[in-house]
């Protein structure tokens, strides 16, 4: 499951975002997935992290982001995405590799598919 973000540039992404003050990384994962997809997840497993530099239009500046990648199972649709401009999209892993806008996300998915979900 990916999220499609309609603005500022339409693109498919892994659900994600920042960690709020007082939140753990796992708590942020659950919150962000729900906000961007409307789904609850179970059994999250940390896969790794990478660094990327991206323009953040809401702050009108370039920023370094540390992206942590998790594998989890969507288990319950709790409603529509709460975050405006986001839609949950189901596609095969192969289609996700073709459509993910971020090279770092694609790299993690490719590695995950090669080495299995063990």
Protein backbone atom coordinates (compact mmCIF):
# COMPACT_ATOMS: atom_id res chain seq x y z
CA UNK A 1 0.00 0.00 0.00
CA UNK A 2 1.31 3.40 -1.02
CA UNK A 3 -0.07 6.87 -0.64
CA UNK A 4 -0.66 9.16 -3.58
CA UNK A 5 0.04 12.78 -2.71
CA UNK A 6 -1.63 15.23 -5.07
CA UNK A 7 0.41 18.36 -4.23
CA UNK A 8 2.78 20.10 -4.52
CA UNK A 9 3.76 17.52 -7.17
CA UNK A 10 1.53 14.47 -7.72
CA UNK A 11 3.48 11.35 -6.74
CA UNK A 12 3.30 7.92 -5.16
CA UNK A 13 5.11 7.58 -1.84
CA UNK A 14 5.56 5.30 1.09
CA UNK A 15 3.41 6.78 3.88
CA UNK A 16 5.52 8.85 6.22
CA UNK A 17 6.36 12.13 7.83
CA UNK A 18 7.93 13.71 10.86
CA UNK A 19 8.11 12.62 14.46
CA UNK A 20 6.17 14.94 16.77
CA UNK A 21 7.62 16.10 20.09
CA UNK A 22 7.23 13.36 22.70
CA UNK A 23 6.50 10.69 20.11
CA UNK A 24 8.57 7.56 19.48
CA UNK A 25 9.46 6.56 15.92
CA UNK A 26 6.96 3.67 16.11
CA UNK A 27 4.19 5.97 17.36
CA UNK A 28 4.92 8.39 14.51
CA UNK A 29 4.77 5.51 12.03
CA UNK A 30 1.28 4.49 13.17
CA UNK A 31 0.04 8.11 13.18
CA UNK A 32 1.49 9.01 9.78
CA UNK A 33 0.18 5.86 8.08
CA UNK A 34 -3.29 6.57 9.47
CA UNK A 35 -3.19 10.26 8.49
CA UNK A 36 -2.07 9.52 4.92
CA UNK A 37 -4.01 6.31 4.21
CA UNK A 38 -6.81 5.92 6.77
CA UNK A 39 -5.47 2.48 7.72
CA UNK A 40 -4.21 0.99 10.99
CA UNK A 41 -1.12 -1.22 10.73
CA UNK A 42 0.24 -4.16 12.70
CA UNK A 43 3.61 -5.84 13.28
CA UNK A 44 5.88 -3.02 12.14
CA UNK A 45 9.48 -4.11 11.57
CA UNK A 46 12.29 -1.59 11.18
CA UNK A 47 14.24 -2.15 7.95
CA UNK A 48 16.73 0.72 7.95
CA UNK A 49 17.26 4.40 7.22
CA UNK A 50 18.69 6.71 4.59
CA UNK A 51 19.39 10.41 4.24
CA UNK A 52 17.88 12.61 1.54
CA UNK A 53 17.83 16.28 0.73
CA UNK A 54 14.52 17.71 -0.38
CA UNK A 55 12.77 21.02 -0.88
CA UNK A 56 10.06 21.62 1.72
CA UNK A 57 7.62 24.15 0.23
CA UNK A 58 5.79 24.62 3.54
CA UNK A 59 9.03 26.09 4.96
CA UNK A 60 10.37 27.50 1.67
CA UNK A 61 13.74 25.80 2.16
CA UNK A 62 15.84 22.77 1.41
CA UNK A 63 16.22 20.31 4.26
CA UNK A 64 18.07 17.14 5.14
CA UNK A 65 15.67 14.37 6.08
CA UNK A 66 16.50 11.09 7.76
CA UNK A 67 14.02 8.58 6.35
CA UNK A 68 13.36 5.43 8.38
CA UNK A 69 11.80 2.55 6.51
CA UNK A 70 9.48 0.02 8.11
CA UNK A 71 7.57 -3.02 6.89
CA UNK A 72 4.07 -3.38 8.35
CA UNK A 73 0.75 -4.93 7.45
CA UNK A 74 -2.37 -2.80 6.93
CA UNK A 75 -5.02 -4.51 9.06
CA UNK A 76 -8.00 -2.19 9.49
CA UNK A 77 -9.38 0.66 7.41
CA UNK A 78 -10.42 3.25 9.99
CA UNK A 79 -11.73 5.80 7.49
CA UNK A 80 -10.52 8.12 4.76
CA UNK A 81 -7.06 9.69 5.01
CA UNK A 82 -7.06 12.66 7.38
CA UNK A 83 -4.31 14.45 5.49
CA UNK A 84 -5.63 16.50 2.61
CA UNK A 85 -4.48 15.46 -0.85
CA UNK A 86 -3.55 11.89 0.13
CA UNK A 87 -5.15 8.66 -1.08
CA UNK A 88 -4.32 5.06 -0.14
CA UNK A 89 -3.35 3.10 -3.25
CA UNK A 90 -2.94 -0.67 -3.48
CA UNK A 91 -0.56 -2.04 -6.08
CA UNK A 92 1.74 -4.98 -6.59
CA UNK A 93 5.34 -4.64 -5.38
CA UNK A 94 6.50 -4.61 -9.00
CA UNK A 95 4.12 -1.75 -9.84
CA UNK A 96 5.24 0.09 -6.71
CA UNK A 97 8.87 -0.14 -7.91
CA UNK A 98 7.80 1.46 -11.19
CA UNK A 99 5.74 4.21 -9.54
CA UNK A 100 7.53 5.29 -6.37
CA UNK A 101 8.80 8.83 -6.86
CA UNK A 102 11.66 8.56 -4.36
CA UNK A 103 14.77 6.57 -5.30
CA UNK A 104 15.55 5.80 -1.65
CA UNK A 105 12.12 4.25 -1.09
CA UNK A 106 12.50 2.24 -4.31
CA UNK A 107 15.91 0.97 -3.22
CA UNK A 108 14.53 -0.30 0.10
CA UNK A 109 11.59 -1.98 -1.61
CA UNK A 110 13.86 -3.63 -4.19
CA UNK A 111 16.16 -4.92 -1.43
CA UNK A 112 13.21 -6.13 0.62
CA UNK A 113 11.83 -8.06 -2.35
CA UNK A 114 15.23 -9.63 -3.14
CA UNK A 115 15.95 -10.77 0.41
CA UNK A 116 12.43 -11.66 1.46
CA UNK A 117 10.30 -10.75 4.39
CA UNK A 118 12.05 -13.14 6.79
